[in-house]
Amino acid sequence: MPEVRRTLSRLPRPTAERILDKIELYAAEPQALANNVKRLKGDQGFRLRIGDWRVLFDEDAETVIVRGVRPRGSAYE
């Protein structure tokens, strides 16, 4: 997703690395971050909370598809 890459490239390196690490951890072991993941209301997909950032994604049996990485205040607009 070009939007996701662009957002991550504009973030400070430690923040972007933290977000990528959490996405990879969730993809490998969903139960490790289960308390930070919620199903979105009125929309298909999920959100992963990472500090003040939200990762919006869809998943199937084997794949996590990231739709967006946004700050908490504007994640659901």
N, C-alpha and C. Protein backbone atom coordinates (compact mmCIF):
# COMPACT_ATOMS: atom_id res chain seq x y z
N MET A 1 0.83 -1.18 0.00
CA MET A 1 0.00 0.00 0.00
C MET A 1 0.88 1.25 0.00
N PRO A 2 0.77 2.06 -1.00
CA PRO A 2 1.61 3.27 -1.07
C PRO A 2 1.37 4.22 0.10
N GLU A 3 0.12 4.35 0.55
CA GLU A 3 -0.19 5.25 1.66
C GLU A 3 0.53 4.81 2.93
N VAL A 4 0.55 3.52 3.19
CA VAL A 4 1.20 2.99 4.38
C VAL A 4 2.70 3.22 4.32
N ARG A 5 3.30 2.93 3.18
CA ARG A 5 4.75 3.16 3.01
C ARG A 5 5.10 4.63 3.20
N ARG A 6 4.29 5.51 2.63
CA ARG A 6 4.54 6.94 2.73
C ARG A 6 4.45 7.40 4.18
N THR A 7 3.43 6.95 4.89
CA THR A 7 3.27 7.33 6.29
C THR A 7 4.45 6.86 7.12
N LEU A 8 4.84 5.60 6.95
CA LEU A 8 5.97 5.06 7.73
C LEU A 8 7.28 5.76 7.39
N SER A 9 7.47 6.16 6.14
CA SER A 9 8.71 6.83 5.76
C SER A 9 8.81 8.22 6.36
N ARG A 10 7.69 8.83 6.70
CA ARG A 10 7.68 10.18 7.27
C ARG A 10 7.79 10.19 8.79
N LEU A 11 7.64 9.04 9.40
CA LEU A 11 7.72 8.95 10.86
C LEU A 11 9.18 8.88 11.30
N PRO A 12 9.45 9.27 12.55
CA PRO A 12 10.80 9.05 13.08
C PRO A 12 11.12 7.56 13.03
N ARG A 13 12.37 7.25 12.74
CA ARG A 13 12.77 5.85 12.55
C ARG A 13 12.37 4.94 13.71
N PRO A 14 12.59 5.32 14.98
CA PRO A 14 12.20 4.42 16.07
C PRO A 14 10.70 4.12 16.10
N THR A 15 9.89 5.11 15.78
CA THR A 15 8.44 4.91 15.77
C THR A 15 8.04 3.97 14.64
N ALA A 16 8.58 4.20 13.45
CA ALA A 16 8.26 3.34 12.30
C ALA A 16 8.71 1.91 12.56
N GLU A 17 9.89 1.74 13.15
CA GLU A 17 10.38 0.39 13.44
C GLU A 17 9.52 -0.29 14.48
N ARG A 18 9.07 0.45 15.47
CA ARG A 18 8.18 -0.11 16.50
C ARG A 18 6.87 -0.60 15.88
N ILE A 19 6.30 0.21 14.99
CA ILE A 19 5.05 -0.17 14.33
C ILE A 19 5.26 -1.41 13.46
N LEU A 20 6.33 -1.44 12.68
CA LEU A 20 6.60 -2.60 11.84
C LEU A 20 6.85 -3.85 12.68
N ASP A 21 7.57 -3.70 13.79
CA ASP A 21 7.82 -4.85 14.67
C ASP A 21 6.52 -5.42 15.22
N LYS A 22 5.60 -4.54 15.62
CA LYS A 22 4.32 -5.01 16.17
C LYS A 22 3.46 -5.68 15.10
N ILE A 23 3.49 -5.15 13.89
CA ILE A 23 2.74 -5.78 12.80
C ILE A 23 3.28 -7.17 12.54
N GLU A 24 4.60 -7.29 12.48
CA GLU A 24 5.22 -8.60 12.25
C GLU A 24 4.92 -9.56 13.39
N LEU A 25 4.95 -9.07 14.63
CA LEU A 25 4.64 -9.92 15.78
C LEU A 25 3.20 -10.40 15.71
N TYR A 26 2.27 -9.51 15.38
CA TYR A 26 0.87 -9.91 15.28
C TYR A 26 0.68 -10.94 14.16
N ALA A 27 1.34 -10.73 13.02
CA ALA A 27 1.20 -11.67 11.91
C ALA A 27 1.73 -13.05 12.29
N ALA A 28 2.81 -13.09 13.07
CA ALA A 28 3.40 -14.37 13.44
C ALA A 28 2.66 -15.03 14.60
N GLU A 29 2.18 -14.21 15.54
CA GLU A 29 1.57 -14.76 16.75
C GLU A 29 0.43 -13.84 17.23
N PRO A 30 -0.76 -13.96 16.65
CA PRO A 30 -1.87 -13.06 16.97
C PRO A 30 -2.22 -12.99 18.46
N GLN A 31 -2.06 -14.07 19.18
CA GLN A 31 -2.43 -14.05 20.60
C GLN A 31 -1.52 -13.15 21.43
N ALA A 32 -0.32 -12.87 20.95
CA ALA A 32 0.62 -12.03 21.69
C ALA A 32 0.10 -10.60 21.85
N LEU A 33 -0.68 -10.12 20.89
CA LEU A 33 -1.18 -8.76 20.93
C LEU A 33 -2.71 -8.70 20.96
N ALA A 34 -3.34 -9.76 21.35
CA ALA A 34 -4.80 -9.84 21.30
C ALA A 34 -5.48 -8.74 22.10
N ASN A 35 -4.87 -8.28 23.19
CA ASN A 35 -5.51 -7.23 23.99
C ASN A 35 -5.41 -5.86 23.32
N ASN A 36 -4.61 -5.70 22.27
CA ASN A 36 -4.49 -4.42 21.56
C ASN A 36 -5.20 -4.43 20.22
N VAL A 37 -5.94 -5.49 19.92
CA VAL A 37 -6.63 -5.61 18.64
C VAL A 37 -8.14 -5.63 18.89
N LYS A 38 -8.86 -4.83 18.10
CA LYS A 38 -10.32 -4.82 18.18
C LYS A 38 -10.90 -4.80 16.79
N ARG A 39 -12.07 -5.42 16.65
CA ARG A 39 -12.81 -5.37 15.39
C ARG A 39 -13.41 -3.97 15.27
N LEU A 40 -13.36 -3.40 14.07
CA LEU A 40 -13.93 -2.08 13.84
C LEU A 40 -15.45 -2.17 13.73
N LYS A 41 -16.13 -1.20 14.30
CA LYS A 41 -17.59 -1.14 14.21
C LYS A 41 -17.99 -0.50 12.89
N GLY A 42 -18.98 -1.07 12.24
CA GLY A 42 -19.51 -0.50 11.01
C GLY A 42 -18.57 -0.62 9.82
N ASP A 43 -17.48 -1.32 9.99
CA ASP A 43 -16.51 -1.47 8.92
C ASP A 43 -15.90 -2.85 9.04
N GLN A 44 -15.49 -3.39 7.96
CA GLN A 44 -14.79 -4.66 8.04
C GLN A 44 -13.36 -4.38 8.43
N GLY A 45 -12.78 -5.25 9.17
CA GLY A 45 -11.39 -5.10 9.52
C GLY A 45 -11.17 -4.94 11.01
N PHE A 46 -9.93 -4.68 11.34
CA PHE A 46 -9.50 -4.59 12.72
C PHE A 46 -8.59 -3.39 12.90
N ARG A 47 -8.32 -3.06 14.15
CA ARG A 47 -7.33 -2.04 14.45
C ARG A 47 -6.38 -2.59 15.50
N LEU A 48 -5.12 -2.25 15.32
CA LEU A 48 -4.07 -2.61 16.26
C LEU A 48 -3.58 -1.32 16.89
N ARG A 49 -3.64 -1.24 18.21
CA ARG A 49 -3.22 -0.04 18.93
C ARG A 49 -1.75 -0.15 19.27
N ILE A 50 -0.97 0.86 18.85
CA ILE A 50 0.45 0.92 19.17
C ILE A 50 0.73 2.34 19.66
N GLY A 51 0.63 2.54 20.96
CA GLY A 51 0.81 3.88 21.53
C GLY A 51 -0.25 4.82 20.99
N ASP A 52 0.18 5.94 20.41
CA ASP A 52 -0.74 6.91 19.84
C ASP A 52 -1.04 6.65 18.37
N TRP A 53 -0.62 5.50 17.87
CA TRP A 53 -0.83 5.14 16.47
C TRP A 53 -1.79 3.98 16.36
N ARG A 54 -2.52 3.94 15.25
CA ARG A 54 -3.45 2.86 14.97
C ARG A 54 -3.12 2.26 13.61
N VAL A 55 -3.06 0.94 13.57
CA VAL A 55 -2.85 0.22 12.32
C VAL A 55 -4.19 -0.42 11.96
N LEU A 56 -4.74 -0.04 10.83
CA LEU A 56 -6.01 -0.59 10.36
C LEU A 56 -5.70 -1.69 9.37
N PHE A 57 -6.29 -2.87 9.58
CA PHE A 57 -5.94 -4.00 8.74
C PHE A 57 -7.08 -4.98 8.59
N ASP A 58 -6.96 -5.82 7.58
CA ASP A 58 -7.84 -6.96 7.35
C ASP A 58 -6.98 -8.19 7.50
N GLU A 59 -7.62 -9.31 7.78
CA GLU A 59 -6.86 -10.55 7.86
C GLU A 59 -7.71 -11.72 7.40
N ASP A 60 -7.02 -12.70 6.87
CA ASP A 60 -7.67 -13.98 6.59
C ASP A 60 -6.84 -15.04 7.30
N ALA A 61 -6.97 -16.26 6.94
CA ALA A 61 -6.31 -17.35 7.67
C ALA A 61 -4.79 -17.22 7.68
N GLU A 62 -4.20 -16.66 6.64
CA GLU A 62 -2.74 -16.65 6.55
C GLU A 62 -2.12 -15.27 6.32
N THR A 63 -2.94 -14.24 6.10
CA THR A 63 -2.40 -12.96 5.68
C THR A 63 -2.98 -11.81 6.50
N VAL A 64 -2.12 -10.84 6.81
CA VAL A 64 -2.54 -9.58 7.41
C VAL A 64 -2.31 -8.51 6.35
N ILE A 65 -3.38 -7.81 5.96
CA ILE A 65 -3.30 -6.78 4.94
C ILE A 65 -3.50 -5.43 5.61
N VAL A 66 -2.45 -4.64 5.68
CA VAL A 66 -2.49 -3.33 6.34
C VAL A 66 -3.12 -2.33 5.39
N ARG A 67 -4.18 -1.67 5.85
CA ARG A 67 -4.89 -0.67 5.05
C ARG A 67 -4.47 0.75 5.39
N GLY A 68 -3.96 0.94 6.60
CA GLY A 68 -3.56 2.28 6.98
C GLY A 68 -2.82 2.31 8.30
N VAL A 69 -1.96 3.31 8.44
CA VAL A 69 -1.27 3.60 9.69
C VAL A 69 -1.55 5.07 9.96
N ARG A 70 -2.26 5.35 11.04
CA ARG A 70 -2.70 6.72 11.29
C ARG A 70 -2.57 7.08 12.76
N PRO A 71 -2.44 8.38 13.05
CA PRO A 71 -2.45 8.79 14.45
C PRO A 71 -3.82 8.54 15.07
N ARG A 72 -3.85 8.36 16.35
CA ARG A 72 -5.07 7.98 17.06
C ARG A 72 -6.25 8.90 16.74
N GLY A 73 -6.05 10.18 16.73
CA GLY A 73 -7.15 11.13 16.55
C GLY A 73 -7.82 11.08 15.21
N SER A 74 -7.10 10.69 14.17
CA SER A 74 -7.70 10.69 12.83
C SER A 74 -7.79 9.30 12.21
N ALA A 75 -7.62 8.28 13.00
CA ALA A 75 -7.60 6.92 12.48
C ALA A 75 -8.92 6.47 11.91
N TYR A 76 -10.03 6.97 12.42
CA TYR A 76 -11.32 6.41 12.07
C TYR A 76 -12.16 7.33 11.18
N GLU A 77 -11.55 8.32 10.61
CA GLU A 77 -12.28 9.26 9.75
C GLU A 77 -12.43 8.70 8.36
